[in-house]
Amino acid sequence: MEFMPEFRTARPTTVAEAVAIRAAEPGSRFLAGGTDLIPNIRRGIVAPPTVIDLAGIAEMRAIESLDGGLRIGAAVTLAELANHERVRTAYVGLKQAAGGIAASTHRQVGTVGGNLCLDTRCVFYNQSEWWRGANQHCLKTTGEICHVAPKSKGVCFATFSGDLAPAFLVLDGEVDIAGPEGRRTLPLDDLYIGYARQDGSTGDGRNYLGLQPDEIVTAVRARRAPGLRSAYDKIRIRRSIEYPVAGVAVALGRDSDRLTDLRIAFTGTNPRPVLLTGTAELCGGGLDESTLTALDDLVRDQVMAMKTTFTPGHYRRRVANALARRLVHKLFEE
């Protein structure tokens, strides 16, 4: 049995109060729904002396309509997002992503911010403490090598598997952030730094979020251009609970028989969600086999084939490619 260590719970009612508590108490952690943090505490991966419960902060619990978009508080639950009227009708990809995470009971407590900041994972990391110890731990915890890529020279290849990030990325997602130095907004793509390339990049599977010390994501924004269609789909081993082996979000624009806009993002494949680059060059003509073949090339070059789950790495890449093709074709024909 995995026992919970003792910790203090703080319950701030404002963002400023939450940030102040985090800054004053080293090692403290923010708690939203707890569906990611609590299992990590039980496994002995983290042991925060204080947990800062964000449920009582009103501004982080709201969904607001903006001119041409939405602002969604980070403490909004996945169920609330999936069932929101405007999300259901105008942001289909967001609805599908939020509505397919884990099981219904998890969606009642899991939050938007928690899924965007989801811990990276691999088959060697997300295990009990005794299992990790028996396997000499891994680079993401207290070990000295990455078991996914033992020759990686200190780079961790744990993958990001949150479902919401790709769905927001194809909708020009932005995040609102608060910290000791004040508030700022940045493109969602800039929140993630876990490239896991051995070329001087700043992040990997351990260092995957671009938050400064003691900062917190307070909200995420999405914009929907007129006529843009979106969708999300994924493959997982079981139909509930499991994280995606690969997930893909697509947003597409069409004018008559011309593809005018194409955005594709993946999750479950790299140490960060991947907003596919080069898709603009596929637009301007129809959706034919040459266009889809060019899409295959982009996916092959940008989606990693590392074995971070019990499935082979090359299987994940093939699944990601097949999902992308399927969704692009489906949205173009609607």
C-alpha atoms as a PDB file:
ATOM      1  CA  MET A   1       0.000   0.000   0.000  1.00  0.00           C
ATOM      2  CA  GLU A   2       1.212   3.526  -0.824  1.00  0.00           C
ATOM      3  CA  PHE A   3       0.789   5.882   2.124  1.00  0.00           C
ATOM      4  CA  MET A   4       0.291   9.611   1.829  1.00  0.00           C
ATOM      5  CA  PRO A   5       2.949  11.659   3.640  1.00  0.00           C
ATOM      6  CA  GLU A   6       1.820  14.501   5.850  1.00  0.00           C
ATOM      7  CA  PHE A   7       1.472  17.985   4.358  1.00  0.00           C
ATOM      8  CA  ARG A   8      -0.238  21.242   5.181  1.00  0.00           C
ATOM      9  CA  THR A   9      -3.089  22.530   3.002  1.00  0.00           C
ATOM     10  CA  ALA A  10      -3.415  26.248   2.283  1.00  0.00           C
ATOM     11  CA  ARG A  11      -6.657  27.615   0.789  1.00  0.00           C
ATOM     12  CA  PRO A  12      -6.120  31.064  -0.741  1.00  0.00           C
ATOM     13  CA  THR A  13      -9.049  33.046  -2.162  1.00  0.00           C
ATOM     14  CA  THR A  14      -7.066  35.240  -4.582  1.00  0.00           C
ATOM     15  CA  VAL A  15      -4.306  34.666  -7.106  1.00  0.00           C
ATOM     16  CA  ALA A  16      -2.057  37.125  -5.266  1.00  0.00           C
ATOM     17  CA  GLU A  17      -2.468  35.174  -2.037  1.00  0.00           C
ATOM     18  CA  ALA A  18      -1.684  31.860  -3.770  1.00  0.00           C
ATOM     19  CA  VAL A  19       1.476  33.285  -5.342  1.00  0.00           C
ATOM     20  CA  ALA A  20       2.587  34.760  -1.994  1.00  0.00           C
ATOM     21  CA  ILE A  21       2.163  31.406  -0.222  1.00  0.00           C
ATOM     22  CA  ARG A  22       4.164  29.611  -2.912  1.00  0.00           C
ATOM     23  CA  ALA A  23       6.982  32.154  -2.701  1.00  0.00           C
ATOM     24  CA  ALA A  24       7.079  32.003   1.117  1.00  0.00           C
ATOM     25  CA  GLU A  25       7.097  28.202   1.352  1.00  0.00           C
ATOM     26  CA  PRO A  26       9.835  26.497  -0.720  1.00  0.00           C
ATOM     27  CA  GLY A  27       8.797  23.140  -2.071  1.00  0.00           C
ATOM     28  CA  SER A  28       5.067  23.879  -1.900  1.00  0.00           C
ATOM     29  CA  ARG A  29       2.895  22.804  -4.838  1.00  0.00           C
ATOM     30  CA  PHE A  30      -0.276  24.154  -6.388  1.00  0.00           C
ATOM     31  CA  LEU A  31      -3.259  21.781  -6.278  1.00  0.00           C
ATOM     32  CA  ALA A  32      -6.162  22.048  -8.698  1.00  0.00           C
ATOM     33  CA  GLY A  33      -8.034  18.772  -9.188  1.00  0.00           C
ATOM     34  CA  GLY A  34      -5.174  16.671  -7.846  1.00  0.00           C
ATOM     35  CA  THR A  35      -5.552  13.907 -10.440  1.00  0.00           C
ATOM     36  CA  ASP A  36      -1.881  14.275 -11.394  1.00  0.00           C
ATOM     37  CA  LEU A  37      -0.262  15.630  -8.219  1.00  0.00           C
ATOM     38  CA  ILE A  38      -1.830  13.259  -5.686  1.00  0.00           C
ATOM     39  CA  PRO A  39      -0.732  10.051  -7.482  1.00  0.00           C
ATOM     40  CA  ASN A  40       2.792  11.493  -7.706  1.00  0.00           C
ATOM     41  CA  ILE A  41       2.748  12.152  -3.960  1.00  0.00           C
ATOM     42  CA  ARG A  42       1.531   8.602  -3.305  1.00  0.00           C
ATOM     43  CA  ARG A  43       4.322   7.197  -5.474  1.00  0.00           C
ATOM     44  CA  GLY A  44       6.938   9.177  -3.579  1.00  0.00           C
ATOM     45  CA  ILE A  45       7.861  11.201  -6.668  1.00  0.00           C
ATOM     46  CA  VAL A  46       7.211  14.502  -4.875  1.00  0.00           C
ATOM     47  CA  ALA A  47       6.692  15.320  -1.189  1.00  0.00           C
ATOM     48  CA  PRO A  48       5.538  18.926  -0.840  1.00  0.00           C
ATOM     49  CA  PRO A  49       5.373  20.276   2.735  1.00  0.00           C
ATOM     50  CA  THR A  50       2.430  22.470   1.705  1.00  0.00           C
ATOM     51  CA  VAL A  51      -0.262  21.991  -0.929  1.00  0.00           C
ATOM     52  CA  ILE A  52      -1.954  25.179  -2.145  1.00  0.00           C
ATOM     53  CA  ASP A  53      -5.595  24.457  -3.028  1.00  0.00           C
ATOM     54  CA  LEU A  54      -6.772  26.727  -5.874  1.00  0.00           C
ATOM     55  CA  ALA A  55     -10.451  25.772  -5.807  1.00  0.00           C
ATOM     56  CA  GLY A  56     -11.470  28.877  -3.837  1.00  0.00           C
ATOM     57  CA  ILE A  57     -10.109  31.436  -6.308  1.00  0.00           C
ATOM     58  CA  ALA A  58     -13.139  32.781  -8.187  1.00  0.00           C
ATOM     59  CA  GLU A  59     -11.301  34.278 -11.166  1.00  0.00           C
ATOM     60  CA  MET A  60      -9.775  30.895 -11.950  1.00  0.00           C
ATOM     61  CA  ARG A  61     -13.188  29.213 -12.015  1.00  0.00           C
ATOM     62  CA  ALA A  62     -14.816  31.297 -14.783  1.00  0.00           C
ATOM     63  CA  ILE A  63     -15.360  30.852 -18.521  1.00  0.00           C
ATOM     64  CA  GLU A  64     -15.691  34.224 -20.249  1.00  0.00           C
ATOM     65  CA  SER A  65     -16.605  35.093 -23.827  1.00  0.00           C
ATOM     66  CA  LEU A  66     -14.195  37.524 -25.453  1.00  0.00           C
ATOM     67  CA  ASP A  67     -14.319  39.230 -28.828  1.00  0.00           C
ATOM     68  CA  GLY A  68     -13.651  36.306 -31.150  1.00  0.00           C
ATOM     69  CA  GLY A  69     -12.705  33.875 -28.443  1.00  0.00           C
ATOM     70  CA  LEU A  70     -12.891  32.481 -24.920  1.00  0.00           C
ATOM     71  CA  ARG A  71     -10.972  32.960 -21.686  1.00  0.00           C
ATOM     72  CA  ILE A  72     -11.096  29.823 -19.534  1.00  0.00           C
ATOM     73  CA  GLY A  73      -9.955  29.855 -15.923  1.00  0.00           C
ATOM     74  CA  ALA A  74      -7.274  27.329 -15.045  1.00  0.00           C
ATOM     75  CA  ALA A  75      -9.391  25.852 -12.214  1.00  0.00           C
ATOM     76  CA  VAL A  76     -12.386  25.164 -14.503  1.00  0.00           C
ATOM     77  CA  THR A  77     -12.981  21.424 -14.475  1.00  0.00           C
ATOM     78  CA  LEU A  78     -12.707  19.295 -17.588  1.00  0.00           C
ATOM     79  CA  ALA A  79     -16.402  18.401 -17.302  1.00  0.00           C
ATOM     80  CA  GLU A  80     -17.370  22.077 -17.096  1.00  0.00           C
ATOM     81  CA  LEU A  81     -15.328  22.856 -20.192  1.00  0.00           C
ATOM     82  CA  ALA A  82     -16.716  19.941 -22.211  1.00  0.00           C
ATOM     83  CA  ASN A  83     -20.303  20.789 -21.262  1.00  0.00           C
ATOM     84  CA  HIS A  84     -20.101  24.558 -21.744  1.00  0.00           C
ATOM     85  CA  GLU A  85     -22.655  25.624 -24.379  1.00  0.00           C
ATOM     86  CA  ARG A  86     -20.337  27.756 -26.501  1.00  0.00           C
ATOM     87  CA  VAL A  87     -17.557  25.188 -26.356  1.00  0.00           C
ATOM     88  CA  ARG A  88     -19.933  22.448 -27.519  1.00  0.00           C
ATOM     89  CA  THR A  89     -21.159  24.468 -30.497  1.00  0.00           C
ATOM     90  CA  ALA A  90     -18.169  26.522 -31.667  1.00  0.00           C
ATOM     91  CA  TYR A  91     -15.075  24.777 -30.255  1.00  0.00           C
ATOM     92  CA  VAL A  92     -15.696  21.153 -31.124  1.00  0.00           C
ATOM     93  CA  GLY A  93     -12.041  20.135 -30.836  1.00  0.00           C
ATOM     94  CA  LEU A  94     -11.872  21.493 -27.277  1.00  0.00           C
ATOM     95  CA  LYS A  95     -15.079  19.681 -26.362  1.00  0.00           C
ATOM     96  CA  GLN A  96     -13.764  16.387 -27.752  1.00  0.00           C
ATOM     97  CA  ALA A  97     -10.393  16.755 -26.016  1.00  0.00           C
ATOM     98  CA  ALA A  98     -11.844  17.666 -22.613  1.00  0.00           C
ATOM     99  CA  GLY A  99     -14.669  15.131 -22.855  1.00  0.00           C
ATOM    100  CA  GLY A 100     -12.328  12.238 -23.595  1.00  0.00           C
ATOM    101  CA  ILE A 101      -9.827  12.663 -20.778  1.00  0.00           C
ATOM    102  CA  ALA A 102      -9.652   9.736 -18.338  1.00  0.00           C
ATOM    103  CA  ALA A 103     -13.066   8.693 -16.952  1.00  0.00           C
ATOM    104  CA  SER A 104     -16.126  10.798 -16.097  1.00  0.00           C
ATOM    105  CA  THR A 105     -15.284  10.869 -12.395  1.00  0.00           C
ATOM    106  CA  HIS A 106     -11.805  12.229 -13.167  1.00  0.00           C
ATOM    107  CA  ARG A 107     -13.302  14.936 -15.387  1.00  0.00           C
ATOM    108  CA  GLN A 108     -15.467  16.142 -12.517  1.00  0.00           C
ATOM    109  CA  VAL A 109     -12.345  17.192 -10.573  1.00  0.00           C
ATOM    110  CA  GLY A 110      -9.489  17.406 -13.088  1.00  0.00           C
ATOM    111  CA  THR A 111      -8.890  20.951 -14.311  1.00  0.00           C
ATOM    112  CA  VAL A 112      -7.895  22.833 -17.426  1.00  0.00           C
ATOM    113  CA  GLY A 113      -4.727  24.241 -15.872  1.00  0.00           C
ATOM    114  CA  GLY A 114      -3.739  20.882 -14.444  1.00  0.00           C
ATOM    115  CA  ASN A 115      -4.012  19.219 -17.850  1.00  0.00           C
ATOM    116  CA  LEU A 116      -2.045  21.990 -19.561  1.00  0.00           C
ATOM    117  CA  CYS A 117       0.727  21.645 -16.959  1.00  0.00           C
ATOM    118  CA  LEU A 118       0.560  17.846 -16.763  1.00  0.00           C
ATOM    119  CA  ASP A 119       3.741  16.152 -15.632  1.00  0.00           C
ATOM    120  CA  THR A 120       5.665  14.357 -18.357  1.00  0.00           C
ATOM    121  CA  ARG A 121       5.790  10.609 -17.994  1.00  0.00           C
ATOM    122  CA  CYS A 122       7.348   7.387 -19.220  1.00  0.00           C
ATOM    123  CA  VAL A 123       7.175   3.716 -18.315  1.00  0.00           C
ATOM    124  CA  PHE A 124      10.192   4.072 -16.001  1.00  0.00           C
ATOM    125  CA  TYR A 125       8.960   7.169 -14.138  1.00  0.00           C
ATOM    126  CA  ASN A 126       5.285   6.716 -13.359  1.00  0.00           C
ATOM    127  CA  GLN A 127       5.652   3.662 -11.148  1.00  0.00           C
ATOM    128  CA  SER A 128       5.663   2.940  -7.432  1.00  0.00           C
ATOM    129  CA  GLU A 129       8.738   3.855  -5.413  1.00  0.00           C
ATOM    130  CA  TRP A 130       9.823   0.236  -4.929  1.00  0.00           C
ATOM    131  CA  TRP A 131       9.484  -0.455  -8.679  1.00  0.00           C
ATOM    132  CA  ARG A 132      11.617   2.578  -9.540  1.00  0.00           C
ATOM    133  CA  GLY A 133      14.206   1.546  -6.968  1.00  0.00           C
ATOM    134  CA  ALA A 134      14.390  -1.996  -8.325  1.00  0.00           C
ATOM    135  CA  ASN A 135      15.085  -0.532 -11.762  1.00  0.00           C
ATOM    136  CA  GLN A 136      17.788   1.870 -10.531  1.00  0.00           C
ATOM    137  CA  HIS A 137      15.480   4.878 -10.862  1.00  0.00           C
ATOM    138  CA  CYS A 138      15.600   7.140 -13.911  1.00  0.00           C
ATOM    139  CA  LEU A 139      17.002  10.519 -14.884  1.00  0.00           C
ATOM    140  CA  LYS A 140      13.705  12.284 -14.152  1.00  0.00           C
ATOM    141  CA  THR A 141      13.884  11.288 -10.468  1.00  0.00           C
ATOM    142  CA  THR A 142      17.165  10.401  -8.760  1.00  0.00           C
ATOM    143  CA  GLY A 143      18.830   8.179 -11.357  1.00  0.00           C
ATOM    144  CA  GLU A 144      21.776   8.978 -13.596  1.00  0.00           C
ATOM    145  CA  ILE A 145      20.526   7.821 -17.003  1.00  0.00           C
ATOM    146  CA  CYS A 146      17.361   8.027 -19.076  1.00  0.00           C
ATOM    147  CA  HIS A 147      16.202   4.417 -19.463  1.00  0.00           C
ATOM    148  CA  VAL A 148      14.209   5.405 -22.563  1.00  0.00           C
ATOM    149  CA  ALA A 149      17.401   6.595 -24.259  1.00  0.00           C
ATOM    150  CA  PRO A 150      20.421   5.394 -22.234  1.00  0.00           C
ATOM    151  CA  LYS A 151      22.859   7.136 -24.602  1.00  0.00           C
ATOM    152  CA  SER A 152      21.085  10.490 -24.387  1.00  0.00           C
ATOM    153  CA  LYS A 153      23.899  12.153 -22.405  1.00  0.00           C
ATOM    154  CA  GLY A 154      21.714  13.486 -19.620  1.00  0.00           C
ATOM    155  CA  VAL A 155      18.597  14.326 -21.657  1.00  0.00           C
ATOM    156  CA  CYS A 156      15.261  13.040 -20.315  1.00  0.00           C
ATOM    157  CA  PHE A 157      12.818  11.730 -22.913  1.00  0.00           C
ATOM    158  CA  ALA A 158       9.664  11.499 -20.772  1.00  0.00           C
ATOM    159  CA  THR A 159       6.711  12.566 -22.914  1.00  0.00           C
ATOM    160  CA  PHE A 160       3.965  15.123 -22.473  1.00  0.00           C
ATOM    161  CA  SER A 161       0.498  13.574 -22.734  1.00  0.00           C
ATOM    162  CA  GLY A 162      -2.058  16.278 -21.885  1.00  0.00           C
ATOM    163  CA  ASP A 163      -5.045  16.301 -24.250  1.00  0.00           C
ATOM    164  CA  LEU A 164      -6.000  19.976 -24.033  1.00  0.00           C
ATOM    165  CA  ALA A 165      -2.707  21.512 -25.170  1.00  0.00           C
ATOM    166  CA  PRO A 166      -2.948  20.444 -28.843  1.00  0.00           C
ATOM    167  CA  ALA A 167      -6.618  21.433 -28.980  1.00  0.00           C
ATOM    168  CA  PHE A 168      -5.738  24.930 -27.738  1.00  0.00           C
ATOM    169  CA  LEU A 169      -2.592  25.202 -29.861  1.00  0.00           C
ATOM    170  CA  VAL A 170      -4.549  24.947 -33.123  1.00  0.00           C
ATOM    171  CA  LEU A 171      -6.832  27.744 -31.846  1.00  0.00           C
ATOM    172  CA  ASP A 172      -4.047  30.294 -31.262  1.00  0.00           C
ATOM    173  CA  GLY A 173      -4.001  29.453 -27.553  1.00  0.00           C
ATOM    174  CA  GLU A 174      -2.485  31.846 -25.031  1.00  0.00           C
ATOM    175  CA  VAL A 175      -1.968  31.487 -21.287  1.00  0.00           C
ATOM    176  CA  ASP A 176      -2.318  34.081 -18.548  1.00  0.00           C
ATOM    177  CA  ILE A 177       0.378  33.706 -15.898  1.00  0.00           C
ATOM    178  CA  ALA A 178       0.793  35.277 -12.456  1.00  0.00           C
ATOM    179  CA  GLY A 179       3.881  35.357 -10.280  1.00  0.00           C
ATOM    180  CA  PRO A 180       5.857  37.425  -7.778  1.00  0.00           C
ATOM    181  CA  GLU A 181       6.883  39.832 -10.563  1.00  0.00           C
ATOM    182  CA  GLY A 182       3.302  40.419 -11.730  1.00  0.00           C
ATOM    183  CA  ARG A 183       1.155  39.075 -14.550  1.00  0.00           C
ATOM    184  CA  ARG A 184       1.919  38.266 -18.162  1.00  0.00           C
ATOM    185  CA  THR A 185       0.353  36.561 -21.177  1.00  0.00           C
ATOM    186  CA  LEU A 186       2.262  34.440 -23.656  1.00  0.00           C
ATOM    187  CA  PRO A 187       1.474  32.105 -26.556  1.00  0.00           C
ATOM    188  CA  LEU A 188       0.655  28.646 -25.293  1.00  0.00           C
ATOM    189  CA  ASP A 189       3.380  27.167 -27.490  1.00  0.00           C
ATOM    190  CA  ASP A 190       5.942  29.194 -25.528  1.00  0.00           C
ATOM    191  CA  LEU A 191       4.809  27.615 -22.255  1.00  0.00           C
ATOM    192  CA  TYR A 192       6.454  24.352 -23.320  1.00  0.00           C
ATOM    193  CA  ILE A 193      10.223  24.068 -23.623  1.00  0.00           C
ATOM    194  CA  GLY A 194      10.778  20.304 -23.516  1.00  0.00           C
ATOM    195  CA  TYR A 195      12.229  19.724 -26.969  1.00  0.00           C
ATOM    196  CA  ALA A 196      14.577  16.880 -25.880  1.00  0.00           C
ATOM    197  CA  ARG A 197      17.023  17.640 -28.670  1.00  0.00           C
ATOM    198  CA  GLN A 198      20.705  17.412 -27.921  1.00  0.00           C
ATOM    199  CA  ASP A 199      21.435  20.661 -29.712  1.00  0.00           C
ATOM    200  CA  GLY A 200      21.476  23.185 -26.901  1.00  0.00           C
ATOM    201  CA  SER A 201      17.702  23.406 -26.440  1.00  0.00           C
ATOM    202  CA  THR A 202      16.634  24.629 -23.023  1.00  0.00           C
ATOM    203  CA  GLY A 203      14.325  21.826 -21.964  1.00  0.00           C
ATOM    204  CA  ASP A 204      13.637  18.113 -21.907  1.00  0.00           C
ATOM    205  CA  GLY A 205      11.282  15.737 -20.130  1.00  0.00           C
ATOM    206  CA  ARG A 206      12.378  17.052 -16.718  1.00  0.00           C
ATOM    207  CA  ASN A 207      12.392  20.753 -17.568  1.00  0.00           C
ATOM    208  CA  TYR A 208       9.355  21.083 -19.797  1.00  0.00           C
ATOM    209  CA  LEU A 209       7.467  24.213 -18.655  1.00  0.00           C
ATOM    210  CA  GLY A 210       8.621  27.780 -19.255  1.00  0.00           C
ATOM    211  CA  LEU A 211       7.243  29.087 -15.960  1.00  0.00           C
ATOM    212  CA  GLN A 212       9.474  31.226 -13.776  1.00  0.00           C
ATOM    213  CA  PRO A 213       9.877  30.241 -10.096  1.00  0.00           C
ATOM    214  CA  ASP A 214       6.606  30.522  -8.145  1.00  0.00           C
ATOM    215  CA  GLU A 215       4.524  31.392 -11.238  1.00  0.00           C
ATOM    216  CA  ILE A 216       1.093  29.906 -11.885  1.00  0.00           C
ATOM    217  CA  VAL A 217      -1.124  29.581 -14.978  1.00  0.00           C
ATOM    218  CA  THR A 218      -4.380  31.394 -14.178  1.00  0.00           C
ATOM    219  CA  ALA A 219      -6.262  31.059 -17.487  1.00  0.00           C
ATOM    220  CA  VAL A 220      -6.013  29.968 -21.104  1.00  0.00           C
ATOM    221  CA  ARG A 221      -7.411  31.808 -24.125  1.00  0.00           C
ATOM    222  CA  ALA A 222      -8.616  30.423 -27.453  1.00  0.00           C
ATOM    223  CA  ARG A 223      -9.581  32.187 -30.679  1.00  0.00           C
ATOM    224  CA  ARG A 224     -11.652  30.770 -33.498  1.00  0.00           C
ATOM    225  CA  ALA A 225     -11.409  32.312 -36.949  1.00  0.00           C
ATOM    226  CA  PRO A 226     -14.689  32.412 -38.923  1.00  0.00           C
ATOM    227  CA  GLY A 227     -15.251  29.162 -40.771  1.00  0.00           C
ATOM    228  CA  LEU A 228     -12.485  27.290 -38.935  1.00  0.00           C
ATOM    229  CA  ARG A 229     -13.419  23.673 -38.151  1.00  0.00           C
ATOM    230  CA  SER A 230     -11.671  21.758 -35.403  1.00  0.00           C
ATOM    231  CA  ALA A 231     -11.522  18.211 -34.054  1.00  0.00           C
ATOM    232  CA  TYR A 232      -9.487  16.040 -31.679  1.00  0.00           C
ATOM    233  CA  ASP A 233      -8.904  12.305 -31.584  1.00  0.00           C
ATOM    234  CA  LYS A 234      -6.498   9.923 -29.852  1.00  0.00           C
ATOM    235  CA  ILE A 235      -5.487   6.328 -29.421  1.00  0.00           C
ATOM    236  CA  ARG A 236      -5.046   4.772 -25.972  1.00  0.00           C
ATOM    237  CA  ILE A 237      -4.705   1.234 -24.742  1.00  0.00           C
ATOM    238  CA  ARG A 238      -7.968   1.313 -22.769  1.00  0.00           C
ATOM    239  CA  ARG A 239     -10.956   3.503 -23.584  1.00  0.00           C
ATOM    240  CA  SER A 240     -10.879   5.191 -20.180  1.00  0.00           C
ATOM    241  CA  ILE A 241      -8.285   6.240 -17.617  1.00  0.00           C
ATOM    242  CA  GLU A 242      -5.286   5.768 -19.940  1.00  0.00           C
ATOM    243  CA  TYR A 243      -3.189   8.658 -21.206  1.00  0.00           C
ATOM    244  CA  PRO A 244      -2.982   8.821 -25.001  1.00  0.00           C
ATOM    245  CA  VAL A 245      -0.416   6.782 -26.866  1.00  0.00           C
ATOM    246  CA  ALA A 246      -0.854   9.571 -29.410  1.00  0.00           C
ATOM    247  CA  GLY A 247      -3.414  12.358 -29.744  1.00  0.00           C
ATOM    248  CA  VAL A 248      -3.941  14.889 -32.514  1.00  0.00           C
ATOM    249  CA  ALA A 249      -5.893  18.135 -32.874  1.00  0.00           C
ATOM    250  CA  VAL A 250      -6.683  19.621 -36.273  1.00  0.00           C
ATOM    251  CA  ALA A 251      -8.155  23.005 -37.224  1.00  0.00           C
ATOM    252  CA  LEU A 252      -8.950  23.507 -40.878  1.00  0.00           C
ATOM    253  CA  GLY A 253     -10.373  26.154 -43.187  1.00  0.00           C
ATOM    254  CA  ARG A 254     -11.862  25.485 -46.610  1.00  0.00           C
ATOM    255  CA  ASP A 255     -13.068  27.760 -49.407  1.00  0.00           C
ATOM    256  CA  SER A 256     -14.946  25.795 -52.031  1.00  0.00           C
ATOM    257  CA  ASP A 257     -12.500  23.047 -53.007  1.00  0.00           C
ATOM    258  CA  ARG A 258      -9.393  24.840 -51.660  1.00  0.00           C
ATOM    259  CA  LEU A 259      -7.659  24.196 -48.385  1.00  0.00           C
ATOM    260  CA  THR A 260      -7.141  27.695 -46.954  1.00  0.00           C
ATOM    261  CA  ASP A 261      -5.910  27.023 -43.418  1.00  0.00           C
ATOM    262  CA  LEU A 262      -4.411  23.965 -41.740  1.00  0.00           C
ATOM    263  CA  ARG A 263      -3.139  23.610 -38.178  1.00  0.00           C
ATOM    264  CA  ILE A 264      -2.167  20.299 -36.593  1.00  0.00           C
ATOM    265  CA  ALA A 265      -0.846  19.563 -33.089  1.00  0.00           C
ATOM    266  CA  PHE A 266       0.131  16.330 -31.357  1.00  0.00           C
ATOM    267  CA  THR A 267       0.397  15.030 -27.810  1.00  0.00           C
ATOM    268  CA  GLY A 268       1.838  11.857 -26.283  1.00  0.00           C
ATOM    269  CA  THR A 269       4.771  11.772 -28.700  1.00  0.00           C
ATOM    270  CA  ASN A 270       7.417  14.275 -27.532  1.00  0.00           C
ATOM    271  CA  PRO A 271       8.465  15.923 -24.252  1.00  0.00           C
ATOM    272  CA  ARG A 272       6.163  18.779 -25.281  1.00  0.00           C
ATOM    273  CA  PRO A 273       2.965  19.094 -27.331  1.00  0.00           C
ATOM    274  CA  VAL A 274       3.993  19.526 -30.962  1.00  0.00           C
ATOM    275  CA  LEU A 275       2.441  22.244 -33.112  1.00  0.00           C
ATOM    276  CA  LEU A 276       3.358  20.956 -36.548  1.00  0.00           C
ATOM    277  CA  THR A 277       5.370  23.432 -38.603  1.00  0.00           C
ATOM    278  CA  GLY A 278       5.154  23.610 -42.397  1.00  0.00           C
ATOM    279  CA  THR A 279       1.389  23.087 -42.725  1.00  0.00           C
ATOM    280  CA  ALA A 280       0.864  26.530 -44.304  1.00  0.00           C
ATOM    281  CA  GLU A 281       2.749  25.293 -47.370  1.00  0.00           C
ATOM    282  CA  LEU A 282       0.115  22.588 -47.830  1.00  0.00           C
ATOM    283  CA  CYS A 283      -2.662  25.157 -48.278  1.00  0.00           C
ATOM    284  CA  GLY A 284      -3.888  26.860 -51.447  1.00  0.00           C
ATOM    285  CA  GLY A 285      -5.008  23.830 -53.400  1.00  0.00           C
ATOM    286  CA  GLY A 286      -7.252  20.840 -52.940  1.00  0.00           C
ATOM    287  CA  LEU A 287      -6.815  17.953 -50.551  1.00  0.00           C
ATOM    288  CA  ASP A 288      -5.288  15.271 -52.727  1.00  0.00           C
ATOM    289  CA  GLU A 289      -2.871  12.422 -52.150  1.00  0.00           C
ATOM    290  CA  SER A 290       0.165  14.611 -52.791  1.00  0.00           C
ATOM    291  CA  THR A 291      -0.973  16.951 -49.995  1.00  0.00           C
ATOM    292  CA  LEU A 292      -1.443  14.043 -47.610  1.00  0.00           C
ATOM    293  CA  THR A 293       1.951  12.594 -48.565  1.00  0.00           C
ATOM    294  CA  ALA A 294       3.559  15.945 -47.776  1.00  0.00           C
ATOM    295  CA  LEU A 295       1.740  15.855 -44.426  1.00  0.00           C
ATOM    296  CA  ASP A 296       3.202  12.398 -43.791  1.00  0.00           C
ATOM    297  CA  ASP A 297       6.683  13.834 -44.273  1.00  0.00           C
ATOM    298  CA  LEU A 298       6.051  16.635 -41.749  1.00  0.00           C
ATOM    299  CA  VAL A 299       4.793  14.169 -39.151  1.00  0.00           C
ATOM    300  CA  ARG A 300       7.732  11.815 -39.687  1.00  0.00           C
ATOM    301  CA  ASP A 301      10.220  14.648 -39.201  1.00  0.00           C
ATOM    302  CA  GLN A 302       8.637  16.226 -36.119  1.00  0.00           C
ATOM    303  CA  VAL A 303       7.041  13.387 -34.126  1.00  0.00           C
ATOM    304  CA  MET A 304       9.500  11.318 -32.104  1.00  0.00           C
ATOM    305  CA  ALA A 305       9.621   7.530 -32.113  1.00  0.00           C
ATOM    306  CA  MET A 306      10.856   6.911 -28.562  1.00  0.00           C
ATOM    307  CA  LYS A 307       9.593   4.007 -26.458  1.00  0.00           C
ATOM    308  CA  THR A 308       8.143   5.805 -23.430  1.00  0.00           C
ATOM    309  CA  THR A 309       5.125   3.489 -23.079  1.00  0.00           C
ATOM    310  CA  PHE A 310       4.697  -0.266 -23.411  1.00  0.00           C
ATOM    311  CA  THR A 311       3.984   0.235 -27.121  1.00  0.00           C
ATOM    312  CA  PRO A 312       6.859   0.528 -29.623  1.00  0.00           C
ATOM    313  CA  GLY A 313       7.930   4.072 -30.443  1.00  0.00           C
ATOM    314  CA  HIS A 314       7.464   3.615 -34.193  1.00  0.00           C
ATOM    315  CA  TYR A 315       3.870   2.515 -33.523  1.00  0.00           C
ATOM    316  CA  ARG A 316       3.154   5.878 -31.869  1.00  0.00           C
ATOM    317  CA  ARG A 317       4.455   7.746 -34.901  1.00  0.00           C
ATOM    318  CA  ARG A 318       2.359   5.654 -37.285  1.00  0.00           C
ATOM    319  CA  VAL A 319      -0.742   6.162 -35.126  1.00  0.00           C
ATOM    320  CA  ALA A 320      -0.158   9.926 -34.974  1.00  0.00           C
ATOM    321  CA  ASN A 321       0.181  10.054 -38.753  1.00  0.00           C
ATOM    322  CA  ALA A 322      -2.960   7.990 -39.335  1.00  0.00           C
ATOM    323  CA  LEU A 323      -4.998  10.127 -36.932  1.00  0.00           C
ATOM    324  CA  ALA A 324      -3.834  13.329 -38.600  1.00  0.00           C
ATOM    325  CA  ARG A 325      -4.729  12.057 -42.056  1.00  0.00           C
ATOM    326  CA  ARG A 326      -8.142  10.875 -40.868  1.00  0.00           C
ATOM    327  CA  LEU A 327      -9.086  14.142 -39.152  1.00  0.00           C
ATOM    328  CA  VAL A 328      -7.862  16.355 -41.994  1.00  0.00           C
ATOM    329  CA  HIS A 329      -9.895  14.367 -44.500  1.00  0.00           C
ATOM    330  CA  LYS A 330     -12.967  14.352 -42.252  1.00  0.00           C
ATOM    331  CA  LEU A 331     -12.927  18.103 -41.597  1.00  0.00           C
ATOM    332  CA  PHE A 332     -12.295  18.928 -45.249  1.00  0.00           C
ATOM    333  CA  GLU A 333     -15.328  16.875 -46.297  1.00  0.00           C
ATOM    334  CA  GLU A 334     -17.731  18.340 -43.709  1.00  0.00           C
END
